[in-house]
Protein backbone atom coordinates (compact mmCIF):
# COMPACT_ATOMS: atom_id res chain seq x y z
CA UNK A 1 84.90 100.48 111.27
CA UNK A 2 85.32 97.25 113.19
CA UNK A 3 83.88 96.85 116.65
CA UNK A 4 86.46 96.53 119.44
CA UNK A 5 85.02 93.13 120.37
CA UNK A 6 85.84 91.84 116.87
CA UNK A 7 89.40 93.07 117.20
CA UNK A 8 89.77 91.16 120.48
CA UNK A 9 89.52 87.92 118.53
CA UNK A 10 92.85 88.61 116.84
CA UNK A 11 96.16 87.50 118.28
CA UNK A 12 97.90 89.66 120.93
CA UNK A 13 99.84 92.56 119.43
CA UNK A 14 97.41 93.14 116.59
CA UNK A 15 94.44 94.64 118.43
CA UNK A 16 95.88 98.08 119.10
CA UNK A 17 95.15 101.43 117.49
CA UNK A 18 97.70 101.17 114.69
CA UNK A 19 97.83 99.26 111.42
CA UNK A 20 101.51 98.90 110.53
CA UNK A 21 101.94 98.18 106.84
CA UNK A 22 105.27 97.25 105.26
CA UNK A 23 105.83 98.78 101.83
CA UNK A 24 108.68 98.97 99.33
CA UNK A 25 108.77 102.69 98.54
CA UNK A 26 110.63 102.17 95.24
CA UNK A 27 107.85 100.11 93.64
CA UNK A 28 106.26 102.13 90.83
CA UNK A 29 102.52 101.57 90.52
CA UNK A 30 102.39 99.65 93.79
CA UNK A 31 103.92 101.66 96.65
CA UNK A 32 106.12 104.43 95.27
CA UNK A 33 107.46 107.42 97.20
CA UNK A 34 108.09 110.44 94.97
CA UNK A 35 111.71 111.48 95.62
CA UNK A 36 110.83 115.16 95.23
CA UNK A 37 107.62 115.48 97.23
CA UNK A 38 107.89 112.43 99.47
CA UNK A 39 104.28 111.59 98.57
CA UNK A 40 103.31 107.91 98.41
CA UNK A 41 101.22 106.55 95.55
CA UNK A 42 100.22 103.21 94.08
CA UNK A 43 97.52 100.60 94.30
CA UNK A 44 98.70 99.25 97.65
CA UNK A 45 98.94 102.71 99.16
CA UNK A 46 95.27 103.22 98.28
CA UNK A 47 94.27 99.78 99.52
CA UNK A 48 96.24 100.08 102.77
CA UNK A 49 94.34 103.28 103.50
CA UNK A 50 91.08 101.48 102.74
CA UNK A 51 92.00 98.60 105.07
CA UNK A 52 92.91 100.96 107.90
CA UNK A 53 89.57 102.73 107.42
CA UNK A 54 87.71 99.41 107.53
CA UNK A 55 89.45 98.53 110.80
CA UNK A 56 89.18 101.97 112.35
CA UNK A 57 92.93 102.03 112.86
CA UNK A 58 95.61 104.68 112.36
CA UNK A 59 97.73 103.72 109.35
CA UNK A 60 101.52 103.61 109.73
CA UNK A 61 103.68 102.81 106.71
CA UNK A 62 106.96 100.96 107.40
CA UNK A 63 109.67 101.03 104.73
CA UNK A 64 110.79 97.57 103.69
CA UNK A 65 112.01 95.79 100.55
CA UNK A 66 111.97 92.35 99.03
CA UNK A 67 115.39 91.58 100.47
CA UNK A 68 114.14 92.48 103.98
CA UNK A 69 110.57 91.24 103.59
CA UNK A 70 110.76 88.02 105.62
CA UNK A 71 112.86 89.55 108.39
CA UNK A 72 110.57 92.58 108.69
CA UNK A 73 107.36 90.56 108.84
CA UNK A 74 108.68 87.83 111.10
CA UNK A 75 110.42 90.42 113.27
CA UNK A 76 107.10 92.19 113.93
CA UNK A 77 108.11 95.46 112.27
CA UNK A 78 104.71 95.47 110.58
CA UNK A 79 101.36 93.71 110.82
CA UNK A 80 101.07 93.04 107.11
CA UNK A 81 103.19 93.50 103.98
CA UNK A 82 101.19 95.22 101.27
CA UNK A 83 103.47 95.77 98.28
CA UNK A 84 102.69 93.25 95.58
CA UNK A 85 104.41 90.32 97.27
CA UNK A 86 104.94 87.49 94.81
CA UNK A 87 103.75 84.13 96.12
CA UNK A 88 106.96 82.16 95.63
CA UNK A 89 107.68 78.81 97.25
CA UNK A 90 110.59 80.29 99.19
CA UNK A 91 108.43 83.01 100.71
CA UNK A 92 105.54 80.64 101.40
CA UNK A 93 107.87 78.65 103.65
CA UNK A 94 108.35 81.70 105.87
CA UNK A 95 105.19 83.80 105.46
CA UNK A 96 101.41 83.40 105.42
CA UNK A 97 99.65 84.69 102.32
CA UNK A 98 96.18 85.93 101.57
CA UNK A 99 94.43 85.00 98.36
CA UNK A 100 96.05 86.71 95.33
CA UNK A 101 94.77 90.03 94.04
CA UNK A 102 97.17 90.70 91.11
CA UNK A 103 99.39 88.60 88.84
CA UNK A 104 102.25 89.55 86.55
CA UNK A 105 104.68 88.01 84.13
CA UNK A 106 108.32 89.11 83.81
CA UNK A 107 109.22 92.08 81.59
CA UNK A 108 112.48 93.77 80.59
CA UNK A 109 113.43 97.42 80.25
CA UNK A 110 116.13 98.50 77.78
CA UNK A 111 117.54 101.81 76.62
CA UNK A 112 115.35 103.07 73.78
CA UNK A 113 118.33 104.50 71.85
CA UNK A 114 120.24 101.20 71.65
CA UNK A 115 119.80 98.72 68.80
CA UNK A 116 121.37 95.50 70.11
CA UNK A 117 118.42 94.23 72.14
CA UNK A 118 115.09 94.84 70.46
CA UNK A 119 113.09 91.76 71.46
CA UNK A 120 113.00 89.10 74.17
CA UNK A 121 115.15 86.56 72.33
CA UNK A 122 118.01 89.08 72.15
CA UNK A 123 118.39 89.09 75.94
CA UNK A 124 119.79 85.65 76.70
CA UNK A 125 123.00 86.03 74.70
CA UNK A 126 126.63 85.60 75.86
CA UNK A 127 127.49 89.30 75.72
CA UNK A 128 124.28 90.55 77.35
CA UNK A 129 124.25 91.95 80.88
CA UNK A 130 120.97 91.76 82.79
CA UNK A 131 120.35 93.70 86.00
CA UNK A 132 117.97 92.48 88.71
CA UNK A 133 117.00 93.86 92.11
CA UNK A 134 118.20 91.95 95.16
CA UNK A 135 115.54 89.86 96.86
CA UNK A 136 113.09 89.95 93.94
CA UNK A 137 111.84 86.80 92.27
CA UNK A 138 113.88 87.79 89.19
CA UNK A 139 117.10 87.13 91.10
CA UNK A 140 116.14 83.46 91.49
CA UNK A 141 114.39 83.11 88.13
CA UNK A 142 117.07 84.37 85.77
CA UNK A 143 119.84 81.82 86.49
CA UNK A 144 117.35 79.01 85.91
CA UNK A 145 116.04 80.30 82.59
CA UNK A 146 118.65 82.66 81.10
CA UNK A 147 121.94 80.85 81.35
CA UNK A 148 123.96 82.62 78.66
CA UNK A 149 123.53 86.23 79.74
CA UNK A 150 125.38 87.68 82.72
CA UNK A 151 123.32 88.68 85.76
CA UNK A 152 124.13 91.70 87.92
CA UNK A 153 122.33 91.96 91.27
CA UNK A 154 121.69 95.48 92.56
CA UNK A 155 120.15 96.81 95.75
CA UNK A 156 117.55 99.24 94.39
CA UNK A 157 115.41 99.85 91.31
CA UNK A 158 117.20 103.16 90.85
CA UNK A 159 120.48 101.27 90.59
CA UNK A 160 118.98 99.00 87.94
CA UNK A 161 117.87 102.02 85.93
CA UNK A 162 121.29 103.64 86.24
CA UNK A 163 123.02 100.50 85.01
CA UNK A 164 120.88 100.45 81.88
CA UNK A 165 121.08 104.20 81.25
CA UNK A 166 124.87 104.14 81.61
CA UNK A 167 125.23 101.18 79.27
CA UNK A 168 126.76 98.93 81.93
CA UNK A 169 123.69 96.68 81.66
CA UNK A 170 121.65 95.96 78.54
CA UNK A 171 118.32 95.43 80.30
CA UNK A 172 116.83 95.02 83.74
CA UNK A 173 114.07 92.60 84.68
CA UNK A 174 110.91 93.79 86.37
CA UNK A 175 107.15 93.24 86.36
CA UNK A 176 104.08 94.77 84.73
CA UNK A 177 103.32 97.45 87.36
CA UNK A 178 106.87 98.82 87.47
CA UNK A 179 107.50 98.53 83.73
CA UNK A 180 104.23 100.07 82.59
CA UNK A 181 104.68 103.08 84.87
CA UNK A 182 108.34 103.60 84.00
CA UNK A 183 107.82 103.66 80.23
CA UNK A 184 105.09 106.28 80.65
CA UNK A 185 107.34 108.49 82.77
CA UNK A 186 110.83 107.97 81.28
CA UNK A 187 111.48 108.67 77.59
CA UNK A 188 114.66 106.64 77.62
CA UNK A 189 112.91 103.39 78.64
CA UNK A 190 111.82 100.74 76.13
CA UNK A 191 109.52 97.93 77.28
CA UNK A 192 110.42 94.43 76.06
CA UNK A 193 107.60 91.95 76.62
CA UNK A 194 108.05 88.17 76.42
CA UNK A 195 106.45 86.45 73.39
CA UNK A 196 104.81 83.92 75.71
CA UNK A 197 104.30 83.49 79.43
CA UNK A 198 107.64 83.25 81.18
CA UNK A 199 106.82 83.23 84.89
CA UNK A 200 103.31 84.29 85.84
CA UNK A 201 103.44 85.15 89.52
CA UNK A 202 100.45 85.88 91.71
CA UNK A 203 100.70 88.74 94.20
CA UNK A 204 99.20 88.69 97.68
CA UNK A 205 99.52 90.28 101.10
CA UNK A 206 101.82 88.62 103.62
CA UNK A 207 101.64 88.16 107.38
CA UNK A 208 103.32 86.07 110.08
CA UNK A 209 102.37 82.36 109.99
CA UNK A 210 101.82 82.45 113.76
CA UNK A 211 98.81 84.76 113.31
CA UNK A 212 96.10 82.68 111.59
CA UNK A 213 93.16 84.75 112.85
CA UNK A 214 94.76 87.99 111.74
CA UNK A 215 95.74 86.47 108.39
CA UNK A 216 92.10 85.43 107.92
CA UNK A 217 91.01 89.02 108.56
CA UNK A 218 93.45 90.35 105.95
CA UNK A 219 92.23 87.72 103.52
CA UNK A 220 88.64 88.81 104.15
CA UNK A 221 89.66 92.35 103.23
CA UNK A 222 90.90 91.04 99.87
CA UNK A 223 87.59 89.25 99.36
CA UNK A 224 85.73 92.43 100.28
CA UNK A 225 87.57 94.68 97.82
CA UNK A 226 87.11 92.17 95.01
CA UNK A 227 83.39 91.98 95.68
CA UNK A 228 82.62 95.66 96.28
CA UNK A 229 84.71 97.07 93.43
CA UNK A 230 87.43 98.80 95.43
CA UNK A 231 90.16 96.58 93.99
CA UNK A 232 89.11 97.31 90.41
CA UNK A 233 88.80 101.03 91.13
CA UNK A 234 92.30 101.18 92.66
CA UNK A 235 93.78 99.07 89.87
CA UNK A 236 92.18 101.24 87.20
CA UNK A 237 93.46 104.41 88.88
CA UNK A 238 97.02 103.07 88.53
CA UNK A 239 96.72 101.39 85.13
CA UNK A 240 96.74 97.86 86.53
CA UNK A 241 93.25 96.60 85.70
CA UNK A 242 94.73 94.12 83.19
CA UNK A 243 96.41 92.10 85.95
CA UNK A 244 93.61 91.85 88.54
CA UNK A 245 93.03 88.36 89.90
CA UNK A 246 89.41 87.19 90.27
């Protein structure tokens, strides 16, 4: 637990009794809320709890999403975004990042019972429909790299899954945490991995650029969990040890 005097060194608005953490509650493996029980699980749920314990603060989760990320952080709805935030150039212009703790390439999910798309090269074809979630890095990446397939932008991961299950989309694009968890839980889902690196993106925690002392404290937490084994333990618990960043 941090001493109150240490907390006084942070910027005004941070040194109160709460740690407000933005999460995307649809993010399997990272910050997922079970629709039946309402229980939260994922690596960043575990690590947010660890950070709050380190600080001696009461943890408060704030629902967000990638489409609302910048507005929520800049608008002071939370003190830090902890939901596998990809370190893109666009986000770096509006947010402050810690050092990375995970990294993932792009993956696709298709319907297991279909036969038209069986490997990565089958995706970028004129008749293919590819679903992406609004605000994710896939929305910006696909038009640059896959120019023959049609892109459909949807508001939630559940909508992406429904588009594929219904046959309205052939695949949806996602990352390693979401894809690896979905294929373990959903019999209909087939994982399609790229044959080579497509877009390796590092994930970090995000804060407001106007809070350099607070950002440094969040970054120190990332250093701490790398050094003391808490990052590896949390990653292993959620099947993500393969994408830990040193």
